[in-house]
Amino acid sequence: MLEGKLVSTMKSETLRKPIALFYGILCHSLFVVAVGVMIYEMYFGMSRSWGALRSPWNWISNAALLLQFPIVHSLLLSRAGRFVLNRLAPRNFASALSTTNYVIIASIQIFLLFGFWSPSGTIWWQARGALLPVMVLLYASGWFLLVKSLFDAGITLQTGSLGWWSVLKNKAPAYPGLRTGGLFRVIRQPIYASFAITLWTVPTWTPDQLFLASSLTVYCLIGPLFKEARFRRLFGREFEDYCARHPYWFPWPRSARLENANKHNPNSDQIFYL
C-alpha cells in the first residue's frame, strides 16, 4: 500500500473498479431486499413467510434461523471471522472489502431468517379501523429511529459502502471514530433499541412474532455488551467517560450529581446519566 492507496500493480489497477462495483451492487442489492423482506414480514406478524414446515419442525427450524443470526454475526467480528471475511475478496482488496462482505453476509442472514420462517398459521390480533393507522405510525416511527441511528453511527460503515467505495477510489477506508452525536447523545445503543421498537410495534400479532420479538430483544440487550467490550479496547478512557455519562438503553434523567459536575465543566455536552 503506497500513501494510503490500495493497489500499485497494473493488473490490480485494471480490475479495481469492476471489482468495487461488483461488490457494491451485490452488497446494496442484498441489503435492500433483506430489509424490505424484514419490514414486510414483521408487518404481518411473520404470517406470510415462505417456510412450509409443520409443527413441531417449524419451531425447530425457526429457532435455528433465529440462532444463526447472532452467532454468525458475532463470530464474524472475531479474529477468525475477519480471516473469513478477507478470504471472500481478492487479496489486494480483501481488507478494504471486509466491511462490505460483512454486510453482504448479514443481509443474507436477515433474508433467510425473515423469508424462510415457517409460520404457525395462528393470528392472535390484527389492528383494524382507527387503530390501524396508529399502529402503522408507531411501526414506521421505529424504523425512522433505526435509520436515524444508522446515519448517526456512520451510514457508510453500516451499509457496507465504506469498503467498496474505498476500493473504487483506491484509498484506504477511513473508519469512523467513537460516535457521540445524534441519538448517541441520548443512549449508547440507539441502533439496538430502535430495532427493538420495531419488533414490538407491529400491527399483527402471532405466536411467531412473539417468539421472534422476545428472542431478538434479548439479543439486542446482550449483544451490545460485546460491542462495548471491543470499544473499550479501541477507545479506552474516551469510551469509559462516554459510558459514565450516557445510559445503555433507556434515557434515564441525569442525576443531581452529574448536574453539579457539569456546572463546573464547561466542555461537557452530555445530557443523560446511567
Protein backbone atom coordinates (compact mmCIF):
# COMPACT_ATOMS: atom_id res chain seq x y z
CA MET A 1 0.00 0.00 0.00
CA LEU A 2 1.51 3.34 -1.05
CA GLU A 3 0.47 6.62 0.63
CA GLY A 4 -2.96 5.34 1.52
CA LYS A 5 -3.55 3.67 -1.83
CA LEU A 6 -4.79 0.10 -2.02
CA VAL A 7 -3.02 -1.14 -5.15
CA SER A 8 0.02 -0.28 -7.18
CA THR A 9 0.31 -3.03 -9.79
CA MET A 10 -1.14 -2.54 -13.26
CA LYS A 11 -3.16 -5.78 -13.12
CA SER A 12 -4.78 -4.82 -9.84
CA GLU A 13 -5.50 -1.33 -11.13
CA THR A 14 -7.25 -2.76 -14.17
CA LEU A 15 -9.52 -4.93 -12.02
CA ARG A 16 -10.05 -2.46 -9.20
CA LYS A 17 -13.09 -0.57 -10.44
CA PRO A 18 -15.02 -3.61 -11.80
CA ILE A 19 -14.39 -5.44 -8.52
CA ALA A 20 -15.52 -2.44 -6.47
CA LEU A 21 -18.70 -2.01 -8.49
CA PHE A 22 -19.49 -5.73 -8.35
CA TYR A 23 -19.21 -5.82 -4.57
CA GLY A 24 -21.11 -2.56 -4.24
CA ILE A 25 -24.04 -3.68 -6.39
CA LEU A 26 -24.17 -7.07 -4.68
CA CYS A 27 -23.99 -5.55 -1.19
CA HIS A 28 -26.67 -2.90 -1.64
CA SER A 29 -29.00 -5.11 -3.64
CA LEU A 30 -28.96 -7.76 -0.93
CA PHE A 31 -29.28 -5.10 1.77
CA VAL A 32 -32.38 -3.52 0.20
CA VAL A 33 -34.03 -6.90 -0.43
CA ALA A 34 -33.27 -8.14 3.10
CA VAL A 35 -34.59 -5.01 4.80
CA GLY A 36 -37.67 -4.97 2.57
CA VAL A 37 -38.47 -8.60 3.41
CA MET A 38 -37.92 -7.91 7.11
CA ILE A 39 -40.27 -4.89 7.14
CA TYR A 40 -42.96 -6.75 5.18
CA GLU A 41 -42.85 -9.98 7.18
CA MET A 42 -42.92 -8.30 10.57
CA TYR A 43 -45.77 -6.05 9.47
CA PHE A 44 -47.86 -9.22 9.05
CA GLY A 45 -46.54 -10.85 12.21
CA MET A 46 -44.34 -13.37 10.37
CA SER A 47 -47.50 -14.98 8.99
CA ARG A 48 -46.62 -14.70 5.30
CA SER A 49 -43.09 -16.09 5.15
CA TRP A 50 -42.16 -18.81 2.65
CA GLY A 51 -41.20 -21.57 5.07
CA ALA A 52 -43.55 -24.57 4.83
CA LEU A 53 -42.60 -26.84 7.74
CA ARG A 54 -45.31 -28.08 10.08
CA SER A 55 -45.30 -28.28 13.86
CA PRO A 56 -43.09 -29.19 15.65
CA TRP A 57 -40.48 -28.96 12.91
CA ASN A 58 -41.39 -25.38 12.11
CA TRP A 59 -40.41 -24.25 15.62
CA ILE A 60 -37.14 -26.17 15.43
CA SER A 61 -36.38 -24.62 12.07
CA ASN A 62 -37.41 -21.15 13.23
CA ALA A 63 -35.23 -21.45 16.33
CA ALA A 64 -32.28 -22.42 14.13
CA LEU A 65 -32.93 -19.42 11.87
CA LEU A 66 -33.01 -17.17 14.92
CA LEU A 67 -29.79 -18.57 16.36
CA GLN A 68 -27.80 -18.35 13.14
CA PHE A 69 -28.08 -14.58 13.03
CA PRO A 70 -26.47 -13.56 16.36
CA ILE A 71 -23.97 -16.44 16.29
CA VAL A 72 -22.58 -15.77 12.82
CA HIS A 73 -22.96 -12.01 13.25
CA SER A 74 -20.77 -12.13 16.36
CA LEU A 75 -18.26 -14.67 15.08
CA LEU A 76 -17.51 -12.52 12.04
CA LEU A 77 -16.29 -9.80 14.39
CA SER A 78 -13.68 -12.12 15.89
CA ARG A 79 -10.16 -12.67 14.56
CA ALA A 80 -11.26 -15.88 12.85
CA GLY A 81 -14.25 -14.06 11.40
CA ARG A 82 -12.06 -11.33 9.95
CA PHE A 83 -9.95 -14.04 8.33
CA VAL A 84 -13.07 -15.48 6.69
CA LEU A 85 -14.21 -12.04 5.50
CA ASN A 86 -10.79 -11.41 3.96
CA ARG A 87 -10.99 -14.70 2.08
CA LEU A 88 -14.17 -13.54 0.35
CA ALA A 89 -12.43 -10.89 -1.74
CA PRO A 90 -9.33 -10.67 -3.96
CA ARG A 91 -6.20 -10.43 -1.86
CA ASN A 92 -5.27 -6.87 -2.84
CA PHE A 93 -8.69 -5.58 -1.79
CA ALA A 94 -9.57 -8.05 0.97
CA SER A 95 -9.00 -5.78 3.95
CA ALA A 96 -10.87 -2.84 2.46
CA LEU A 97 -13.81 -5.00 1.38
CA SER A 98 -14.19 -6.77 4.72
CA THR A 99 -16.90 -4.35 5.90
CA THR A 100 -18.76 -4.77 2.62
CA ASN A 101 -18.57 -8.55 2.93
CA TYR A 102 -19.83 -8.29 6.50
CA VAL A 103 -22.97 -6.50 5.30
CA ILE A 104 -23.40 -8.97 2.43
CA ILE A 105 -23.40 -11.90 4.84
CA ALA A 106 -25.65 -10.09 7.34
CA SER A 107 -28.14 -9.33 4.55
CA ILE A 108 -28.23 -12.97 3.50
CA GLN A 109 -28.80 -13.96 7.12
CA ILE A 110 -31.68 -11.49 7.50
CA PHE A 111 -33.24 -12.69 4.26
CA LEU A 112 -33.07 -16.31 5.39
CA LEU A 113 -34.46 -15.53 8.84
CA PHE A 114 -37.45 -13.50 7.71
CA GLY A 115 -38.06 -15.02 4.30
CA PHE A 116 -37.88 -18.70 5.23
CA TRP A 117 -39.59 -18.58 8.60
CA SER A 118 -42.27 -21.29 8.80
CA PRO A 119 -45.49 -19.62 10.05
CA SER A 120 -47.61 -21.29 12.69
CA GLY A 121 -50.81 -20.25 10.89
CA THR A 122 -52.24 -18.66 14.04
CA ILE A 123 -53.10 -14.96 14.17
CA TRP A 124 -53.90 -13.59 17.61
CA TRP A 125 -54.63 -9.97 16.80
CA GLN A 126 -54.64 -7.52 13.89
CA ALA A 127 -55.04 -3.76 14.13
CA ARG A 128 -58.21 -2.58 12.40
CA GLY A 129 -60.22 0.57 11.95
CA ALA A 130 -58.90 3.71 13.62
CA LEU A 131 -56.24 1.69 15.45
CA LEU A 132 -54.54 0.55 12.24
CA PRO A 133 -53.04 3.95 11.26
CA VAL A 134 -51.88 4.40 14.85
CA MET A 135 -50.02 1.09 14.80
CA VAL A 136 -48.62 1.79 11.33
CA LEU A 137 -47.34 5.14 12.56
CA LEU A 138 -45.71 3.53 15.59
CA TYR A 139 -44.13 0.84 13.41
CA ALA A 140 -42.88 3.43 10.92
CA SER A 141 -41.52 5.56 13.79
CA GLY A 142 -39.43 2.63 14.98
CA TRP A 143 -37.93 2.26 11.53
CA PHE A 144 -37.34 6.00 11.30
CA LEU A 145 -35.40 5.90 14.57
CA LEU A 146 -33.42 2.93 13.29
CA VAL A 147 -32.48 4.71 10.07
CA LYS A 148 -31.55 7.84 12.05
CA SER A 149 -29.38 5.68 14.32
CA LEU A 150 -27.60 4.16 11.33
CA PHE A 151 -26.78 7.61 9.97
CA ASP A 152 -25.58 8.75 13.40
CA ALA A 153 -23.36 5.65 13.64
CA GLY A 154 -21.86 6.23 10.19
CA ILE A 155 -24.09 5.14 7.34
CA THR A 156 -21.24 4.15 5.02
CA LEU A 157 -19.94 1.62 7.53
CA GLN A 158 -23.40 0.34 8.48
CA THR A 159 -24.49 -0.27 4.87
CA GLY A 160 -21.18 -1.63 3.58
CA SER A 161 -20.43 1.21 1.19
CA LEU A 162 -17.27 2.20 3.06
CA GLY A 163 -15.40 -0.83 1.74
CA TRP A 164 -16.29 -0.91 -1.92
CA TRP A 165 -16.20 2.88 -2.27
CA SER A 166 -12.67 2.92 -0.86
CA VAL A 167 -11.62 0.35 -3.43
CA LEU A 168 -13.30 2.34 -6.20
CA LYS A 169 -11.38 5.46 -5.15
CA ASN A 170 -8.18 3.45 -4.48
CA LYS A 171 -7.92 4.78 -0.93
CA ALA A 172 -7.65 3.08 2.42
CA PRO A 173 -11.01 3.08 4.25
CA ALA A 174 -11.47 5.91 6.74
CA TYR A 175 -13.25 4.24 9.64
CA PRO A 176 -15.41 6.46 11.86
CA GLY A 177 -14.26 7.14 15.38
CA LEU A 178 -16.35 6.97 18.52
CA ARG A 179 -19.82 8.24 17.69
CA THR A 180 -21.34 10.54 20.31
CA GLY A 181 -23.69 12.75 18.31
CA GLY A 182 -27.32 12.44 17.27
CA LEU A 183 -29.17 9.68 19.10
CA PHE A 184 -25.89 8.62 20.67
CA ARG A 185 -26.27 11.72 22.85
CA VAL A 186 -29.37 10.08 24.33
CA ILE A 187 -28.34 6.43 24.77
CA ARG A 188 -25.29 4.36 23.96
CA GLN A 189 -27.09 1.77 21.82
CA PRO A 190 -29.74 3.54 19.72
CA ILE A 191 -29.49 1.03 16.85
CA TYR A 192 -30.38 -1.92 19.04
CA ALA A 193 -33.03 0.00 20.98
CA SER A 194 -34.66 1.27 17.78
CA PHE A 195 -34.73 -2.20 16.27
CA ALA A 196 -36.39 -3.49 19.43
CA ILE A 197 -39.09 -0.84 18.99
CA THR A 198 -39.86 -2.16 15.50
CA LEU A 199 -40.23 -5.67 16.95
CA TRP A 200 -42.96 -4.64 19.40
CA THR A 201 -44.98 -2.12 17.37
CA VAL A 202 -46.16 -4.39 14.55
CA PRO A 203 -49.85 -4.20 13.51
CA THR A 204 -50.24 -8.02 13.53
CA TRP A 205 -49.52 -10.34 16.45
CA THR A 206 -48.97 -14.06 16.16
CA PRO A 207 -47.10 -16.68 18.20
CA ASP A 208 -44.37 -16.33 15.59
CA GLN A 209 -43.99 -12.60 16.15
CA LEU A 210 -43.91 -13.02 19.91
CA PHE A 211 -41.20 -15.68 19.63
CA LEU A 212 -39.21 -13.52 17.22
CA ALA A 213 -39.62 -10.30 19.18
CA SER A 214 -38.74 -11.90 22.53
CA SER A 215 -35.66 -13.66 21.16
CA LEU A 216 -34.26 -10.71 19.23
CA THR A 217 -34.94 -8.31 22.08
CA VAL A 218 -32.77 -10.49 24.31
CA TYR A 219 -30.08 -10.30 21.64
CA CYS A 220 -30.49 -6.51 21.43
CA LEU A 221 -29.93 -6.29 25.18
CA ILE A 222 -26.97 -8.67 25.41
CA GLY A 223 -25.27 -8.28 22.02
CA PRO A 224 -24.12 -4.67 22.55
CA LEU A 225 -22.18 -5.72 25.64
CA PHE A 226 -19.68 -7.49 23.36
CA LYS A 227 -19.59 -4.46 21.09
CA GLU A 228 -18.83 -2.23 24.07
CA ALA A 229 -16.03 -4.56 25.15
CA ARG A 230 -14.42 -4.00 21.75
CA PHE A 231 -14.94 -0.25 22.06
CA ARG A 232 -13.21 -0.23 25.43
CA ARG A 233 -10.18 -1.83 23.80
CA LEU A 234 -10.30 0.57 20.86
CA PHE A 235 -11.11 3.88 22.53
CA GLY A 236 -10.09 3.31 26.15
CA ARG A 237 -10.76 6.20 28.54
CA GLU A 238 -12.71 8.16 25.92
CA PHE A 239 -15.31 5.41 25.76
CA GLU A 240 -15.32 4.92 29.53
CA ASP A 241 -16.12 8.61 30.00
CA TYR A 242 -18.85 8.38 27.38
CA CYS A 243 -20.40 5.37 29.15
CA ALA A 244 -20.30 7.14 32.51
CA ARG A 245 -22.45 9.95 31.18
CA HIS A 246 -24.84 8.05 28.91
CA PRO A 247 -27.31 5.24 29.65
CA TYR A 248 -27.02 1.90 27.92
CA TRP A 249 -30.56 1.52 26.55
CA PHE A 250 -33.06 3.73 28.39
CA PRO A 251 -32.78 7.54 28.57
CA TRP A 252 -32.95 7.91 32.34
CA PRO A 253 -32.90 11.53 33.56
CA ARG A 254 -29.43 12.54 34.64
CA SER A 255 -28.72 12.60 38.32
CA ALA A 256 -28.19 15.63 40.52
CA ARG A 257 -24.57 14.52 40.93
CA LEU A 258 -23.97 14.84 37.21
CA GLU A 259 -25.85 18.15 37.11
CA ASN A 260 -23.42 19.57 39.65
CA ALA A 261 -20.43 18.10 37.86
CA ASN A 262 -21.48 19.58 34.53
CA LYS A 263 -21.91 23.03 36.05
CA HIS A 264 -18.20 23.00 36.75
CA ASN A 265 -17.32 21.50 33.37
CA PRO A 266 -17.98 23.99 30.53
CA ASN A 267 -16.85 21.44 27.95
CA SER A 268 -19.49 18.88 28.93
CA ASP A 269 -22.25 18.39 26.37
CA GLN A 270 -23.68 15.17 27.80
CA ILE A 271 -27.33 15.13 28.79
CA PHE A 272 -28.00 11.77 30.40
CA TYR A 273 -26.54 9.61 33.09
CA LEU A 274 -26.83 5.90 33.86
